[in-house]
Structures are given as structure tokens and as C-alpha cells.
């Protein structure tokens, strides 16, 4: 079968004006909770899109680690490609692809660095091997082999075998403060339901239905 002929109907639900909440994060909380309860793999996984100095966008999958009415939080190596691009251009887009539920959420906003205290609190809550991996990897930098990466990991394991693993000065988090959030629910015959929230100057949100 040609991939051009691969298609299916979306019939799992609808999104109406009555389903909307005054603040988009409250609707996001409902949808994320439903995704978690459904048992789909990695419900907190989101695509993070950034843009480099030449205007070239890049995307990668990152796990959402916290959220509130102010924004969405993720952590990374501060020497990584995404962190370097955000340092020059804090505009960012997030995307939650809940395909199994025929839902998507798209977020546009600006990324701000978290404080050292916030970074430390989360870093110390991570499993020890995840802490060691942060020390062992210079994220986004070339490496000749996996064997070398594992060597660096085991070196860190020996170094911190008998003491608490400290927060690396090259590791931290970002909070994405959104100004636009779109909720997408798949619809039959490609007549999808789409609602877009836009932040106003008084910090209220307006909504509008978008054509599919």
C-alpha cells in the first residue's frame, strides 16, 4: 500500500465551546490527566522546537516535568543545542502528540531559565543514574563511540560513589511562558475541532475556533 493511501477516520470525540475553560492550563490539566489515565506511552513527552541564528528550526522530544498557570517546565544540559538556541532566541514551541487519543496540544511562548534553587531541588529528586548521566554527557557534542560514553558514565559513578552527587553548573531547567495554546481534537472526514487560546495584555485569555 502506498503511504499516500494510508488513512483512518477520527471518531473518538469532539471539542466544543462548552468544553473550554477560562484558563487554558485548566483544560490542559484535564487532557494530560486523561492521557496519563489511558496508559498511553510517555504521556508527558513533548516536542520542543527552537530556532538557530540562521533561522533553521530544530525539534526534539523532551519530558514535561512540571506545569502551572505560569507555564511549562523541562530540564536539559545548558550546553545542548536547544539551550544555546534559547539563549539567543527565547521564542519556543511545544507540541504534545497524543495520537492514540486523536488529540494534540500546540504551545507558543518564551523560555526563561529557572533559578539554581529550583534546578537543585529537581536534580536531587532524580534517580542516581540519571544524575550521573547528566555529569557524563556533554549533550549535543560529538563522541566517537558509545563505549567512550559508557566509560565516562562509569568514571562518574566511581567519582561520586561515596558522596552526594551535586548539581552540575551546566545543567538546568526552563519555564515556557505561553502566549498561545491550541487544542486539537480529531474529527471524522478531517473535520477536526480546533480551539486557540491567546493571551491578552491584562493576562486574560481569549478563544477562537479555527477551521481544520
Protein backbone atom coordinates (compact mmCIF):
# COMPACT_ATOMS: atom_id res chain seq x y z
CA UNK A 1 0.00 0.00 0.00
CA UNK A 2 1.23 3.48 -0.86
CA UNK A 3 1.66 5.74 2.16
CA UNK A 4 -0.48 8.26 0.26
CA UNK A 5 -3.38 5.81 0.67
CA UNK A 6 -2.91 5.28 4.40
CA UNK A 7 -5.67 6.99 6.36
CA UNK A 8 -8.29 6.39 9.01
CA UNK A 9 -11.32 8.13 10.47
CA UNK A 10 -11.06 10.02 13.75
CA UNK A 11 -14.12 9.19 15.84
CA UNK A 12 -13.04 9.26 19.48
CA UNK A 13 -14.61 12.57 20.43
CA UNK A 14 -15.37 16.22 19.86
CA UNK A 15 -14.22 19.51 21.36
CA UNK A 16 -16.91 22.17 21.72
CA UNK A 17 -17.04 25.68 23.13
CA UNK A 18 -18.75 24.29 26.23
CA UNK A 19 -15.67 22.14 26.93
CA UNK A 20 -13.37 25.17 27.15
CA UNK A 21 -12.10 26.57 30.44
CA UNK A 22 -11.36 30.22 31.23
CA UNK A 23 -7.66 29.45 31.56
CA UNK A 24 -6.07 27.05 29.02
CA UNK A 25 -3.94 25.34 31.66
CA UNK A 26 -7.09 24.01 33.29
CA UNK A 27 -8.10 22.33 30.03
CA UNK A 28 -4.53 21.12 29.56
CA UNK A 29 -4.69 19.55 33.03
CA UNK A 30 -7.84 17.66 32.03
CA UNK A 31 -6.30 16.41 28.78
CA UNK A 32 -2.98 15.44 30.37
CA UNK A 33 -4.83 13.59 33.13
CA UNK A 34 -6.84 11.69 30.53
CA UNK A 35 -3.63 10.82 28.65
CA UNK A 36 -2.00 9.52 31.83
CA UNK A 37 -5.08 7.52 32.83
CA UNK A 38 -5.33 5.97 29.36
CA UNK A 39 -1.99 4.24 29.78
CA UNK A 40 -0.50 5.54 26.52
CA UNK A 41 3.33 5.52 26.41
CA UNK A 42 5.10 8.66 27.66
CA UNK A 43 2.09 10.95 28.09
CA UNK A 44 4.37 13.78 29.28
CA UNK A 45 6.57 13.62 26.18
CA UNK A 46 6.52 16.80 24.13
CA UNK A 47 8.28 18.08 21.04
CA UNK A 48 10.40 21.15 21.75
CA UNK A 49 11.11 23.39 18.74
CA UNK A 50 13.79 26.10 18.75
CA UNK A 51 15.41 28.24 16.04
CA UNK A 52 19.12 28.92 15.50
CA UNK A 53 20.81 32.16 14.47
CA UNK A 54 20.33 31.33 10.76
CA UNK A 55 16.59 30.79 11.22
CA UNK A 56 16.87 26.99 10.99
CA UNK A 57 14.32 25.31 13.28
CA UNK A 58 15.11 22.07 15.09
CA UNK A 59 12.96 19.74 17.15
CA UNK A 60 13.47 17.05 19.76
CA UNK A 61 11.43 15.11 22.31
CA UNK A 62 11.69 16.22 25.95
CA UNK A 63 9.69 15.22 29.03
CA UNK A 64 7.47 17.78 30.75
CA UNK A 65 8.48 17.87 34.42
CA UNK A 66 6.12 20.47 35.90
CA UNK A 67 3.46 22.98 34.90
CA UNK A 68 1.19 25.58 36.45
CA UNK A 69 -0.79 28.63 35.31
CA UNK A 70 2.52 30.39 34.60
CA UNK A 71 3.95 27.83 32.21
CA UNK A 72 5.61 24.50 31.40
CA UNK A 73 8.94 23.23 32.79
CA UNK A 74 11.63 20.99 31.32
CA UNK A 75 15.31 20.36 32.11
CA UNK A 76 18.37 19.93 29.93
CA UNK A 77 22.12 20.32 29.61
CA UNK A 78 22.75 24.05 29.27
CA UNK A 79 25.39 23.36 26.64
CA UNK A 80 22.94 21.50 24.43
CA UNK A 81 21.76 22.79 21.08
CA UNK A 82 18.33 23.75 22.37
CA UNK A 83 19.74 25.63 25.38
CA UNK A 84 22.20 27.56 23.21
CA UNK A 85 19.47 28.45 20.73
CA UNK A 86 17.16 29.59 23.53
CA UNK A 87 19.92 31.79 24.94
CA UNK A 88 19.95 33.70 21.64
CA UNK A 89 16.25 33.43 20.87
CA UNK A 90 13.89 32.52 23.76
CA UNK A 91 10.89 32.02 21.46
CA UNK A 92 9.85 28.38 21.60
CA UNK A 93 7.10 25.99 20.56
CA UNK A 94 5.93 22.86 22.38
CA UNK A 95 3.77 20.09 20.98
CA UNK A 96 2.04 17.22 22.80
CA UNK A 97 1.24 14.45 20.26
CA UNK A 98 -1.41 12.28 21.93
CA UNK A 99 -2.07 10.36 18.71
CA UNK A 100 -3.76 7.41 20.41
CA UNK A 101 -6.40 9.77 21.76
CA UNK A 102 -6.68 11.72 18.49
CA UNK A 103 -5.55 14.84 20.35
CA UNK A 104 -2.78 17.39 20.06
CA UNK A 105 -1.82 20.47 22.05
CA UNK A 106 0.40 23.16 20.48
CA UNK A 107 2.01 25.86 22.64
CA UNK A 108 3.90 29.01 21.64
CA UNK A 109 5.77 31.07 24.20
CA UNK A 110 9.07 32.31 25.61
CA UNK A 111 11.53 30.24 27.64
CA UNK A 112 13.08 31.54 30.86
CA UNK A 113 15.89 29.92 32.85
CA UNK A 114 14.96 28.54 36.27
CA UNK A 115 16.83 29.53 39.43
CA UNK A 116 19.68 27.47 40.89
CA UNK A 117 17.44 26.58 43.84
CA UNK A 118 14.73 25.23 41.52
CA UNK A 119 17.29 23.29 39.48
CA UNK A 120 18.89 21.80 42.58
CA UNK A 121 15.58 20.71 44.07
CA UNK A 122 14.62 18.79 40.94
CA UNK A 123 18.12 17.42 40.24
CA UNK A 124 18.37 15.87 43.71
CA UNK A 125 14.96 14.21 43.21
CA UNK A 126 16.19 12.31 40.12
CA UNK A 127 17.38 8.68 40.22
CA UNK A 128 21.10 8.47 40.92
CA UNK A 129 21.94 7.02 37.49
CA UNK A 130 20.11 9.92 35.83
CA UNK A 131 22.18 12.34 37.89
CA UNK A 132 25.35 10.53 36.81
CA UNK A 133 24.27 10.59 33.17
CA UNK A 134 23.96 14.38 33.36
CA UNK A 135 27.56 14.60 34.52
CA UNK A 136 28.81 12.07 31.95
CA UNK A 137 27.27 13.61 28.83
CA UNK A 138 28.19 16.84 27.08
CA UNK A 139 24.83 16.86 25.34
CA UNK A 140 24.83 17.55 21.57
CA UNK A 141 28.65 17.30 21.34
CA UNK A 142 30.25 14.70 19.01
CA UNK A 143 31.58 11.48 20.56
CA UNK A 144 33.47 8.69 18.81
CA UNK A 145 31.63 5.71 20.28
CA UNK A 146 29.07 4.51 22.80
CA UNK A 147 31.90 2.72 24.59
CA UNK A 148 33.53 6.07 25.35
CA UNK A 149 30.23 7.42 26.66
CA UNK A 150 29.86 4.40 28.96
CA UNK A 151 33.44 4.86 30.14
CA UNK A 152 32.65 8.44 31.12
CA UNK A 153 29.50 7.27 32.89
CA UNK A 154 31.40 4.68 34.94
CA UNK A 155 34.08 7.24 35.78
CA UNK A 156 31.39 9.49 37.22
CA UNK A 157 29.94 6.52 39.09
CA UNK A 158 33.30 5.90 40.76
CA UNK A 159 33.88 9.60 41.45
CA UNK A 160 30.59 10.01 43.29
CA UNK A 161 30.35 6.50 44.76
CA UNK A 162 30.58 7.66 48.36
CA UNK A 163 29.13 11.15 48.26
CA UNK A 164 26.08 13.07 47.17
CA UNK A 165 26.03 13.99 43.50
CA UNK A 166 25.98 17.80 43.19
CA UNK A 167 24.08 19.85 40.64
CA UNK A 168 26.30 20.35 37.56
CA UNK A 169 26.79 24.03 36.73
CA UNK A 170 25.99 23.15 33.09
CA UNK A 171 22.57 21.64 33.80
CA UNK A 172 19.25 23.35 34.49
CA UNK A 173 15.66 23.99 33.61
CA UNK A 174 13.46 26.30 31.58
CA UNK A 175 9.93 27.53 32.15
CA UNK A 176 7.99 28.20 28.96
CA UNK A 177 5.55 31.06 29.50
CA UNK A 178 2.86 30.63 26.84
CA UNK A 179 1.07 33.32 24.91
CA UNK A 180 -0.82 30.96 22.60
CA UNK A 181 -2.17 27.44 23.15
CA UNK A 182 -4.15 25.39 20.64
CA UNK A 183 -6.20 22.29 21.44
CA UNK A 184 -6.86 19.89 18.55
CA UNK A 185 -9.35 17.03 18.61
CA UNK A 186 -9.53 14.75 15.59
CA UNK A 187 -12.83 14.70 13.72
CA UNK A 188 -14.47 12.44 11.17
CA UNK A 189 -13.81 13.23 7.48
CA UNK A 190 -10.93 15.51 8.58
CA UNK A 191 -13.40 17.99 10.11
CA UNK A 192 -11.27 18.41 13.21
CA UNK A 193 -12.15 20.57 16.22
CA UNK A 194 -9.53 23.25 16.93
CA UNK A 195 -9.62 25.99 19.54
CA UNK A 196 -6.88 28.54 20.03
CA UNK A 197 -6.30 30.49 23.25
CA UNK A 198 -4.44 33.82 23.01
CA UNK A 199 -3.05 35.74 26.00
CA UNK A 200 -4.21 39.36 26.31
CA UNK A 201 -2.46 42.37 27.82
CA UNK A 202 -4.46 42.08 31.05
CA UNK A 203 -3.40 38.40 31.42
CA UNK A 204 -6.84 37.12 30.43
CA UNK A 205 -7.25 34.62 27.60
CA UNK A 206 -9.48 34.82 24.55
CA UNK A 207 -10.52 31.84 22.45
CA UNK A 208 -11.47 31.28 18.85
CA UNK A 209 -12.40 28.21 16.83
CA UNK A 210 -10.08 27.50 13.91
CA UNK A 211 -11.02 25.77 10.71
CA UNK A 212 -9.44 22.30 10.34
